[in-house]
Each structure stands twice: as C-alpha cells, then as structure tokens.
Amino acid sequence: MKLTIIGCSGSFPGPESPASCYLLTADYQGRTWRVVVDLGNGALGKLQQHLALEDIDAVCLSHLHPDHYMDLCGLHVAIRWRPGGWPGKHVPVYGPSTTDQRIASAYGMDPNPGMHPDFDFKTWRPRQAETIGPFTITPVPARHPIEEAYALRIDVVPEASADGLPHTLTYSGDTDACDGLVEAARNADLFLCEAAFEDGRDDHIEGVHLNGHRAGISAREAGVGRLLLTHIPVWTSQRVLLARAREQYSGDLAVAVAGVSYEIGGTRTTPHEESEK
C-alpha cells in the first residue's frame, strides 16, 4: 500500500499545499486500486498529477468541514459535464450520514437528486468496516466540533503490500485527543495524525485539534510504527510540533509534505523519485 500526500495544509490551502487529501494505491487482483481519503479545497488539481479522475475507485471522507470534502464539487463537474460522457465508474463516496445533502447545498442544488447521478453515497457506521478492493476501512468516532467526525483505520491485505504482510495506516481526520483515536491507531504501521494547534499558543482550546504533545502521546499509547504529522496551518510552527511530539514519542517522526509518497511498511519516496517511476 502506498500513501501519497496530495494536500496537507490545515484548515485551508497553503502556498505549498492544498487542503487535506491523501491517495492510497495498491496492486491487487491484477490491477491498481486507488482510494482518495478526503478531498479538501484545492486538492482536485494536484490529484490529477497522480491519476486520471476516472480511475478513482472510491472517495472516503473523515468529516464534513470544507477543507476535507469541498472539492467533491469539482469532481461532480468532471463527471457530469465531461464531453462524450464519463468513462469511469459510478464513484462510491463514503462519509457521514448527511454527505449527499451537504454537497448538494454547497453547489446550490436541490438534494433530490442532487449529486446522486454522479456519486454512490455510502454512510459510515461507527466501527463497521467497509471493503474496497484490498482495503478494509473502519471509521472510529473522533472528537471534533461537528456532528460526525471519524478517524479511519485502513488495513490492506498481504497480497497488496510491498513485503507480503498485512499493514495498517490510520488517518486521524480532525480530532482532539480521545480514546477513539488511540483505538483506531492501535499498532498501526503509519499514523497520519493531525497537529493543527501549536503547543504553548493554543493550549487553552479544547475539543478541536491536537498539538504536537497530544499527537505524540496518542502515537505512543497506540504503539504505532511511524508518526506523520499533518493538517498543519500556515501559522503553526512545524519545528515546535516536532519538538513537542518527540518528547512523547520515540519512533519514526516526520511532517507530511505535499507530493511525497510512502510505502506502508517500506520507505519514503521523494517527489523527484516518484516522478521518475
């Protein structure tokens, strides 16, 4: 399973990255499967550097704040108005229960039919796994000021991993520290974890986002193999986040960078190396 960071800027697109969007790929049963995790504002353009939009097998949303789902509007346009018709499948969109209504409202559409002709909307059920090719995705409720927010535990079958072993990626979505986050990340090979709040500056805010300290504690308690900090706004110091996370977590630690790819259970690939493959 390969993770490619499409967008990792927190809360809105930054000068070097779109908002949240991550591409998972794995070869399985004779073809490459491609799952997009979150599709925040600004992400759709960068995503096309890595795939043709008709090759998307599914979109999986952690929650319904615009920096995590708004570019579904652009994907809707690509599907509905492509000259000659859309050559891909009816794209499954997994997300909270009101995803179809929220995206129709964002585009000024009547929710009936809204974007149902373009997307096959599927509702997450807490802790109920969904299978998409080689990926098994389990949503676990997280702690964020919105009705439904999920951390996503993503397991891949051995046949689709680089070393022939089962591997796990956990994506925090947006959350403050909570039991559900540790549950979702338990023994994950890679923990893609938000750290939007800067330690020492935002410590008074509860129930919204993690900082470096709390992300590090969550990673340590979950026993993860690697911690990759993401969803960092332009006004938050990566240096501070890394230093405070390191105080709590002794494993492999880094900050997500748009364009960089990781083999889950393997090694990082730089954007330059990726472009030569």
Foldseek 3Di string as FASTA:
>chain_A
DKKAFQAFAAPAGDPFGGFGKIWDWWDAPHGIAIEIEFDAPPRPVSVVVPHDLLRHQEYEFQADDRSGHQCVLVVLCCQPPPPPHRPHDLYEYEEAPCVLVVNQVVVVHDSVVRSNVRHDYDYADAQDWDDRGQKIWHWHAAFAPDPGGTKIKIWGQLVGAPNSHIAIEIEGTFHEDDPRLLVSLAAHQEYAAEAADFPPPPVVDPRHHHHLQRQLQSCVSRVYQAYEYGSYHPPHDPVRSQVNSCVRHVHHYYYDGHQKMDRRVGGIDHNVRVVVD
